[in-house]
Amino acid sequence: MRSDDLQGEPSLAEIVREWGRIGCVGFGGPPAHVALFRELCVERNGWLSDAAFERAIAATNLLPGPASTQLAIYCAWRLRGGWGALLGGLCFIVPGLVLILALSALFLAGSPPAWLLGAGRGAGAAVAAVAVRAGVGLAVPIWLRAGRSRGRVLAYGLAGAAAAALAGPWLVLVLLACGAVELADRRLAGGLAGPHLLSAPALWRLARPAIDWSSHLRLPLLAAGADPGGTAALVWSSAKVGALAFGGGFVIVPLLQGDAVGAYHWMTHAQFLNAVALGQVTPGPVTHTVAAVGYSAAGVAGGLLAALVAFAPSFSFVLLGARRFERMLVNERVLAFLAGAAPCAAGAIIGAAIPLTTALSETWEFVVLGAAAVSLLVLRRGVVGTLLLAGLAGAVAGGLGAPIPR
């Protein structure tokens, strides 16, 4: 895998050790992961140049799915080819996966003590504030780059927010629709007279049939004789997370919530909030949340299956397409599609705060949510620390006998 940008070559054993270390200490989500891999690959060992690492970030941010996972896989691919990508990606993912499955057994099964339930519910109460922060963090740079396209960007964001709040299981259709509309709009803008394809009413006309058709999309699954809440449904839900989650890891929340709570009833609202919180406070990618959902659906086997399906596209994108990443960075069609899908994803993350908030029922939970919002949005404190404090508040509430929804 040598090139002008490659300044060294680690052994496979070094990749296993270093990528595994980051998988164990990588708290804080994608920004922390990017910083850790930059320190490892560029600053400390000189395995990649600054320019090569920046191109890796740009390329993986264009892909759907968990960007930091794909960055881990791609950097290992650049250094040691296919085997490096497989080993590096697995070592980055597995530590957090093992931890979240163990925590799922505590929080989502059996009859844990009141203080432990309270800890999970307290952390879960803060998740709506985390969603708003994540969505705003994604939306601001998109808005600043939009220029004269801000009207369209706003319409895409509103469509994503509405879909996340009202049609969670089929948000993916609206994401794809926004990307397709932007692509078509740019194709026509240079040569055809008349208004742009996209306006807020036009986008609603496009999104509404997609939502209405959602019931028909279940027919192939049911016609095949599959249990509508069984393995096939879990695979489909996990596949959406891995292959179609444009806009970063937190967009999995609206993608998963409709399936896990509404469509298939694998979890209660309270358990889903716990699962999202667990995905935030464990190291590695936020996409680990899908393993908690899988655990709730079918135990440890379900958690492992959900993780396998959700992460498989990331390995496939890199192993099959990494040689074409440089061309993808300048492909106008790819960039046009993402110009529609990305603001929709940002809106969906913010919109997910609505059902996450309405899932709360106790006064003390709303107090925790308010405190978390101040911590994250006003004081700009870290997500992991805020969730841990929210969990501590919940544990105290549970220990004092406050009502704990299940």
Protein backbone atom coordinates (compact mmCIF):
# COMPACT_ATOMS: atom_id res chain seq x y z
CA MET A 1 0.00 0.00 0.00
CA ARG A 2 2.97 2.33 -0.35
CA SER A 3 2.56 5.79 -1.86
CA ASP A 4 4.23 9.20 -1.65
CA ASP A 5 2.02 9.97 1.34
CA LEU A 6 3.04 6.86 3.29
CA GLN A 7 6.01 7.43 5.56
CA GLY A 8 6.19 4.10 7.37
CA GLU A 9 4.59 0.71 7.69
CA PRO A 10 3.47 -0.87 10.98
CA SER A 11 3.23 -4.61 11.43
CA LEU A 12 -0.13 -6.32 11.71
CA ALA A 13 0.62 -6.89 15.40
CA GLU A 14 1.07 -3.14 15.87
CA ILE A 15 -2.25 -2.49 14.16
CA VAL A 16 -3.98 -4.99 16.44
CA ARG A 17 -2.39 -3.41 19.52
CA GLU A 18 -2.87 0.26 18.61
CA TRP A 19 -6.33 0.04 17.03
CA GLY A 20 -7.43 -2.10 19.98
CA ARG A 21 -6.08 0.49 22.41
CA ILE A 22 -8.10 3.23 20.74
CA GLY A 23 -11.14 0.94 20.80
CA CYS A 24 -10.74 0.68 24.58
CA VAL A 25 -10.08 4.36 25.37
CA GLY A 26 -12.03 6.04 22.55
CA PHE A 27 -14.69 7.76 24.62
CA GLY A 28 -16.27 10.92 23.27
CA GLY A 29 -17.43 9.97 19.79
CA PRO A 30 -15.99 10.83 16.34
CA PRO A 31 -14.05 13.99 17.31
CA ALA A 32 -12.12 12.04 19.93
CA HIS A 33 -11.54 9.14 17.53
CA VAL A 34 -10.20 11.45 14.81
CA ALA A 35 -7.83 13.07 17.30
CA LEU A 36 -6.58 9.69 18.55
CA PHE A 37 -5.93 8.33 15.06
CA ARG A 38 -4.22 11.54 13.98
CA GLU A 39 -1.94 11.41 17.02
CA LEU A 40 -1.15 7.75 16.30
CA CYS A 41 -0.74 7.73 12.52
CA VAL A 42 0.55 11.23 11.78
CA GLU A 43 2.16 12.82 14.82
CA ARG A 44 3.67 9.93 16.77
CA ASN A 45 4.67 7.39 14.11
CA GLY A 46 4.64 9.28 10.79
CA TRP A 47 2.80 6.43 9.08
CA LEU A 48 0.63 8.90 7.16
CA SER A 49 1.26 12.47 6.09
CA ASP A 50 -1.02 15.33 7.09
CA ALA A 51 -2.39 15.49 3.55
CA ALA A 52 -3.10 11.75 3.40
CA PHE A 53 -4.91 11.83 6.74
CA GLU A 54 -7.01 14.84 5.73
CA ARG A 55 -8.04 13.08 2.52
CA ALA A 56 -8.97 10.01 4.56
CA ILE A 57 -11.27 12.13 6.74
CA ALA A 58 -12.83 13.78 3.70
CA ALA A 59 -13.44 10.47 1.93
CA THR A 60 -14.95 8.66 4.91
CA ASN A 61 -17.20 11.64 5.69
CA LEU A 62 -18.73 11.24 2.24
CA LEU A 63 -19.78 7.67 3.02
CA PRO A 64 -22.96 6.67 4.82
CA GLY A 65 -22.52 4.91 8.12
CA PRO A 66 -20.21 5.54 11.11
CA ALA A 67 -17.48 7.85 9.82
CA SER A 68 -14.95 7.24 12.60
CA THR A 69 -15.25 3.47 12.13
CA GLN A 70 -14.62 3.88 8.42
CA LEU A 71 -11.66 6.15 9.17
CA ALA A 72 -10.20 3.43 11.42
CA ILE A 73 -10.69 0.82 8.70
CA TYR A 74 -9.36 3.06 5.92
CA CYS A 75 -6.21 4.11 7.79
CA ALA A 76 -5.43 0.46 8.48
CA TRP A 77 -6.09 -0.34 4.79
CA ARG A 78 -3.66 2.37 3.70
CA LEU A 79 -1.00 0.91 5.95
CA ARG A 80 -1.46 -2.86 5.60
CA GLY A 81 -4.03 -3.56 2.90
CA GLY A 82 -7.03 -5.83 3.31
CA TRP A 83 -5.79 -7.77 6.32
CA GLY A 84 -4.88 -4.55 8.06
CA ALA A 85 -8.36 -3.15 7.38
CA LEU A 86 -10.09 -6.25 8.76
CA LEU A 87 -7.93 -6.50 11.88
CA GLY A 88 -7.84 -2.78 12.56
CA GLY A 89 -11.58 -2.37 12.13
CA LEU A 90 -12.39 -5.34 14.35
CA CYS A 91 -9.98 -4.25 17.08
CA PHE A 92 -11.52 -0.78 17.08
CA ILE A 93 -15.10 -2.10 17.27
CA VAL A 94 -14.94 -5.18 19.51
CA PRO A 95 -13.98 -3.66 22.91
CA GLY A 96 -16.98 -1.33 22.96
CA LEU A 97 -19.22 -4.05 21.57
CA VAL A 98 -18.34 -6.44 24.39
CA LEU A 99 -18.89 -3.70 26.97
CA ILE A 100 -22.25 -2.57 25.62
CA LEU A 101 -23.55 -6.15 25.50
CA ALA A 102 -22.49 -6.65 29.11
CA LEU A 103 -24.19 -3.41 30.14
CA SER A 104 -27.29 -4.35 28.15
CA ALA A 105 -27.56 -7.49 30.25
CA LEU A 106 -27.63 -5.27 33.35
CA PHE A 107 -29.98 -2.55 32.14
CA LEU A 108 -32.28 -4.33 29.69
CA ALA A 109 -32.81 -7.77 31.24
CA GLY A 110 -33.78 -9.25 34.57
CA SER A 111 -34.77 -7.17 37.58
CA PRO A 112 -31.92 -4.79 38.41
CA PRO A 113 -32.08 -2.78 41.66
CA ALA A 114 -33.88 0.55 41.70
CA TRP A 115 -30.67 2.62 41.81
CA LEU A 116 -29.34 0.88 38.68
CA LEU A 117 -32.61 1.39 36.82
CA GLY A 118 -32.52 5.00 37.94
CA ALA A 119 -28.97 5.41 36.60
CA GLY A 120 -30.04 4.15 33.20
CA ARG A 121 -33.17 6.27 33.19
CA GLY A 122 -31.25 9.36 34.30
CA ALA A 123 -28.71 9.00 31.51
CA GLY A 124 -31.55 8.28 29.10
CA ALA A 125 -33.35 11.47 30.15
CA ALA A 126 -30.36 13.48 28.92
CA VAL A 127 -30.31 11.88 25.47
CA ALA A 128 -32.71 14.40 23.89
CA ALA A 129 -30.25 17.19 24.75
CA VAL A 130 -27.42 15.13 23.27
CA ALA A 131 -29.44 14.77 20.07
CA VAL A 132 -29.97 18.52 19.79
CA ARG A 133 -26.27 19.20 20.32
CA ALA A 134 -25.24 16.57 17.78
CA GLY A 135 -27.72 17.83 15.20
CA VAL A 136 -26.78 21.49 15.67
CA GLY A 137 -23.10 20.60 15.47
CA LEU A 138 -23.74 18.96 12.11
CA ALA A 139 -26.15 21.63 10.86
CA VAL A 140 -24.08 24.76 11.53
CA PRO A 141 -21.22 24.03 9.08
CA ILE A 142 -23.74 22.86 6.46
CA TRP A 143 -25.65 26.13 6.85
CA LEU A 144 -22.48 28.23 6.65
CA ARG A 145 -21.44 26.49 3.43
CA ALA A 146 -24.88 26.69 1.82
CA GLY A 147 -24.68 30.26 0.47
CA ARG A 148 -27.58 30.90 -1.88
CA SER A 149 -28.90 27.38 -1.35
CA ARG A 150 -29.97 28.03 2.24
CA GLY A 151 -33.65 27.87 1.37
CA ARG A 152 -33.25 24.35 0.02
CA VAL A 153 -31.00 23.33 2.90
CA LEU A 154 -33.64 24.55 5.36
CA ALA A 155 -36.34 22.58 3.53
CA TYR A 156 -34.22 19.42 3.64
CA GLY A 157 -33.59 19.90 7.34
CA LEU A 158 -37.28 20.47 8.10
CA ALA A 159 -38.19 17.37 6.10
CA GLY A 160 -35.71 15.30 8.11
CA ALA A 161 -36.95 16.71 11.41
CA ALA A 162 -40.58 16.01 10.51
CA ALA A 163 -39.77 12.48 9.36
CA ALA A 164 -37.82 11.71 12.55
CA ALA A 165 -40.66 12.99 14.71
CA LEU A 166 -43.56 11.46 12.78
CA ALA A 167 -42.34 8.59 10.61
CA GLY A 168 -39.25 7.18 12.31
CA PRO A 169 -39.07 3.72 10.70
CA TRP A 170 -39.15 5.23 7.21
CA LEU A 171 -36.86 8.20 7.73
CA VAL A 172 -34.45 6.50 5.35
CA LEU A 173 -36.85 7.12 2.46
CA VAL A 174 -36.87 10.84 3.16
CA LEU A 175 -33.05 10.87 3.42
CA LEU A 176 -32.77 9.22 0.03
CA ALA A 177 -35.46 11.47 -1.43
CA CYS A 178 -33.67 14.64 -0.35
CA GLY A 179 -30.41 13.45 -1.90
CA ALA A 180 -32.18 12.47 -5.12
CA VAL A 181 -34.01 15.80 -5.37
CA GLU A 182 -30.82 17.80 -4.90
CA LEU A 183 -29.06 15.68 -7.52
CA ALA A 184 -31.90 16.16 -10.01
CA ASP A 185 -32.17 19.87 -9.21
CA ARG A 186 -28.49 20.46 -9.94
CA ARG A 187 -28.71 18.54 -13.18
CA LEU A 188 -31.55 20.72 -14.41
CA ALA A 189 -30.42 24.04 -12.98
CA GLY A 190 -27.93 24.71 -15.76
CA GLY A 191 -30.02 24.00 -18.81
CA LEU A 192 -33.76 23.98 -18.22
CA ALA A 193 -35.97 26.98 -17.64
CA GLY A 194 -38.44 27.15 -14.79
CA PRO A 195 -38.26 26.97 -11.00
CA HIS A 196 -36.05 24.67 -9.05
CA LEU A 197 -37.43 21.22 -8.41
CA LEU A 198 -37.14 21.81 -4.70
CA SER A 199 -39.29 24.07 -2.63
CA ALA A 200 -40.79 23.25 0.74
CA PRO A 201 -44.16 22.22 -0.86
CA ALA A 202 -42.35 20.22 -3.54
CA LEU A 203 -40.28 18.37 -0.96
CA TRP A 204 -43.41 17.57 1.06
CA ARG A 205 -45.09 16.25 -2.10
CA LEU A 206 -42.09 13.99 -2.60
CA ALA A 207 -41.73 12.89 1.03
CA ARG A 208 -45.41 12.27 1.71
CA PRO A 209 -45.84 9.46 -0.85
CA ALA A 210 -42.62 7.88 0.44
CA ILE A 211 -44.09 7.82 3.93
CA ASP A 212 -47.45 6.58 2.66
CA TRP A 213 -45.76 3.80 0.70
CA SER A 214 -43.93 2.58 3.79
CA SER A 215 -46.67 0.12 4.64
CA HIS A 216 -46.29 -1.51 1.23
CA LEU A 217 -42.55 -1.96 1.74
CA ARG A 218 -43.27 -4.46 4.52
CA LEU A 219 -45.09 -6.76 2.12
CA PRO A 220 -42.04 -8.59 0.67
CA LEU A 221 -40.81 -9.34 4.20
CA LEU A 222 -44.18 -10.69 5.29
CA ALA A 223 -44.83 -12.50 2.06
CA ALA A 224 -41.61 -14.41 2.53
CA GLY A 225 -43.08 -15.89 5.68
CA ALA A 226 -40.71 -14.03 8.00
CA ASP A 227 -41.69 -13.13 11.51
CA PRO A 228 -42.36 -9.36 11.27
CA GLY A 229 -40.50 -8.83 14.52
CA GLY A 230 -37.91 -11.58 14.09
CA THR A 231 -34.51 -12.05 12.51
CA ALA A 232 -35.37 -10.54 9.14
CA ALA A 233 -36.71 -7.40 10.79
CA LEU A 234 -33.59 -7.10 12.95
CA VAL A 235 -31.36 -7.50 9.90
CA TRP A 236 -33.32 -4.84 8.00
CA SER A 237 -33.18 -2.37 10.89
CA SER A 238 -29.45 -2.91 11.35
CA ALA A 239 -28.77 -2.67 7.62
CA LYS A 240 -30.39 0.76 7.50
CA VAL A 241 -28.05 1.91 10.24
CA GLY A 242 -24.93 0.65 8.51
CA ALA A 243 -25.66 1.48 4.89
CA LEU A 244 -27.91 4.54 4.94
CA ALA A 245 -27.05 6.57 8.05
CA PHE A 246 -25.90 9.78 6.37
CA GLY A 247 -24.66 12.51 8.66
CA GLY A 248 -22.78 10.69 11.40
CA GLY A 249 -23.43 8.15 14.10
CA PHE A 250 -26.23 9.88 15.98
CA VAL A 251 -28.61 9.71 13.01
CA ILE A 252 -29.10 6.06 13.99
CA VAL A 253 -31.36 7.26 16.82
CA PRO A 254 -34.33 8.25 14.63
CA LEU A 255 -33.58 5.35 12.28
CA LEU A 256 -33.73 2.80 15.11
CA GLN A 257 -36.36 4.25 17.41
CA GLY A 258 -39.31 3.70 15.11
CA ASP A 259 -38.40 0.06 14.54
CA ALA A 260 -37.25 -0.88 18.04
CA VAL A 261 -40.09 0.80 19.95
CA GLY A 262 -42.93 1.39 17.52
CA ALA A 263 -42.90 -1.17 14.73
CA TYR A 264 -41.50 -4.30 16.40
CA HIS A 265 -41.81 -3.57 20.14
CA TRP A 266 -38.41 -4.98 21.01
CA MET A 267 -37.99 -2.28 23.67
CA THR A 268 -39.99 0.17 25.70
CA HIS A 269 -39.30 3.89 25.35
CA ALA A 270 -37.40 3.75 28.64
CA GLN A 271 -35.20 0.88 27.45
CA PHE A 272 -34.46 2.65 24.16
CA LEU A 273 -33.30 5.73 26.03
CA ASN A 274 -31.04 3.48 28.10
CA ALA A 275 -29.66 1.89 24.92
CA VAL A 276 -28.81 5.27 23.39
CA ALA A 277 -27.14 6.39 26.60
CA LEU A 278 -25.09 3.19 26.70
CA GLY A 279 -23.96 3.82 23.13
CA GLN A 280 -22.74 7.26 24.19
CA VAL A 281 -20.86 6.32 27.36
CA THR A 282 -19.08 3.24 26.00
CA PRO A 283 -15.87 3.59 23.94
CA GLY A 284 -15.84 3.25 20.18
CA PRO A 285 -18.52 4.19 17.67
CA VAL A 286 -22.00 5.35 18.73
CA THR A 287 -23.31 2.73 16.29
CA HIS A 288 -22.80 0.20 19.11
CA THR A 289 -26.31 1.26 20.17
CA VAL A 290 -27.60 -1.17 17.54
CA ALA A 291 -26.12 -4.04 19.56
CA ALA A 292 -28.18 -3.03 22.59
CA VAL A 293 -31.29 -3.02 20.40
CA GLY A 294 -30.35 -6.44 19.04
CA TYR A 295 -29.80 -7.74 22.55
CA SER A 296 -33.27 -6.60 23.55
CA ALA A 297 -34.72 -8.30 20.46
CA ALA A 298 -32.90 -11.64 20.67
CA GLY A 299 -30.32 -11.75 23.44
CA VAL A 300 -26.57 -11.91 22.91
CA ALA A 301 -27.00 -13.58 19.50
CA GLY A 302 -29.28 -10.74 18.42
CA GLY A 303 -26.80 -8.16 19.62
CA LEU A 304 -23.95 -9.78 17.71
CA LEU A 305 -26.07 -10.19 14.57
CA ALA A 306 -27.19 -6.55 14.69
CA ALA A 307 -23.60 -5.36 15.09
CA LEU A 308 -22.37 -7.61 12.27
CA VAL A 309 -25.00 -6.32 9.85
CA ALA A 310 -24.56 -2.67 10.90
CA PHE A 311 -20.77 -2.65 10.58
CA ALA A 312 -20.46 -4.85 7.49
CA PRO A 313 -21.13 -1.97 5.04
CA SER A 314 -18.25 0.03 6.54
CA PHE A 315 -15.80 -2.80 5.81
CA SER A 316 -17.32 -3.30 2.36
CA PHE A 317 -17.10 0.39 1.42
CA VAL A 318 -13.40 0.47 2.28
CA LEU A 319 -12.31 -2.96 1.03
CA LEU A 320 -14.18 -2.63 -2.27
CA GLY A 321 -13.97 1.09 -2.89
CA ALA A 322 -10.94 2.58 -1.16
CA ARG A 323 -8.96 2.76 -4.42
CA ARG A 324 -11.69 5.00 -5.83
CA PHE A 325 -11.93 7.37 -2.86
CA GLU A 326 -9.80 10.04 -4.52
CA ARG A 327 -12.20 10.21 -7.46
CA MET A 328 -15.20 10.24 -5.13
CA LEU A 329 -13.92 13.42 -3.48
CA VAL A 330 -14.44 15.33 -6.72
CA ASN A 331 -17.47 13.45 -8.10
CA GLU A 332 -20.17 16.07 -8.62
CA ARG A 333 -23.00 13.54 -8.45
CA VAL A 334 -21.81 12.18 -5.10
CA LEU A 335 -21.39 15.67 -3.72
CA ALA A 336 -24.81 16.75 -5.00
CA PHE A 337 -26.55 13.77 -3.42
CA LEU A 338 -24.86 14.41 -0.08
CA ALA A 339 -25.75 18.11 -0.30
CA GLY A 340 -29.38 16.99 0.01
CA ALA A 341 -28.98 14.03 2.34
CA ALA A 342 -26.66 15.68 4.88
CA PRO A 343 -28.96 18.56 5.94
CA CYS A 344 -31.85 16.11 6.06
CA ALA A 345 -29.81 13.93 8.42
CA ALA A 346 -28.97 16.95 10.60
CA GLY A 347 -32.65 17.85 10.79
CA ALA A 348 -33.52 14.25 11.62
CA ILE A 349 -31.11 14.20 14.54
CA ILE A 350 -32.65 17.37 15.97
CA GLY A 351 -36.16 16.10 15.24
CA ALA A 352 -35.39 12.89 17.13
CA ALA A 353 -35.34 14.98 20.31
CA ILE A 354 -39.14 15.25 20.11
CA PRO A 355 -40.01 11.55 20.55
CA LEU A 356 -37.08 11.17 22.95
CA THR A 357 -38.55 13.92 25.13
CA THR A 358 -42.12 12.68 24.92
CA ALA A 359 -40.88 9.28 26.15
CA LEU A 360 -40.14 10.86 29.53
CA SER A 361 -42.88 10.73 32.11
CA GLU A 362 -41.58 11.70 35.57
CA THR A 363 -40.87 15.22 36.83
CA TRP A 364 -37.36 14.36 37.95
CA GLU A 365 -36.55 13.16 34.42
CA PHE A 366 -37.45 16.54 32.96
CA VAL A 367 -35.29 18.21 35.58
CA VAL A 368 -32.36 16.02 34.52
CA LEU A 369 -33.07 16.82 30.85
CA GLY A 370 -33.08 20.56 31.58
CA ALA A 371 -29.81 20.33 33.47
CA ALA A 372 -28.25 18.30 30.64
CA ALA A 373 -29.41 20.87 28.08
CA VAL A 374 -27.72 23.65 30.06
CA SER A 375 -24.55 21.57 30.40
CA LEU A 376 -24.34 20.63 26.73
CA LEU A 377 -25.79 23.63 24.92
CA VAL A 378 -24.90 26.55 27.21
CA LEU A 379 -21.82 25.48 29.16
CA ARG A 380 -20.56 23.27 26.27
CA ARG A 381 -19.53 20.43 28.58
CA GLY A 382 -18.62 17.01 27.22
CA VAL A 383 -21.24 14.45 26.29
CA VAL A 384 -19.77 11.55 28.26
CA GLY A 385 -19.35 13.57 31.46
CA THR A 386 -22.86 14.99 31.18
CA LEU A 387 -24.39 11.54 30.69
CA LEU A 388 -22.46 10.12 33.63
CA LEU A 389 -23.69 12.94 35.87
CA ALA A 390 -27.24 12.41 34.60
CA GLY A 391 -26.89 8.71 35.40
CA LEU A 392 -25.65 9.57 38.89
CA ALA A 393 -28.66 11.84 39.41
CA GLY A 394 -30.94 9.02 38.29
CA ALA A 395 -29.23 6.55 40.63
CA VAL A 396 -29.79 8.93 43.55
CA ALA A 397 -33.44 9.38 42.53
CA GLY A 398 -33.93 5.62 42.30
CA GLY A 399 -32.21 5.05 45.64
CA LEU A 400 -34.51 7.60 47.28
CA GLY A 401 -37.59 5.85 45.99
CA ALA A 402 -38.52 8.08 43.04
CA PRO A 403 -40.74 6.34 40.44
CA ILE A 404 -38.63 4.66 37.73
CA PRO A 405 -40.41 3.95 34.39
CA ARG A 406 -39.63 0.60 32.85
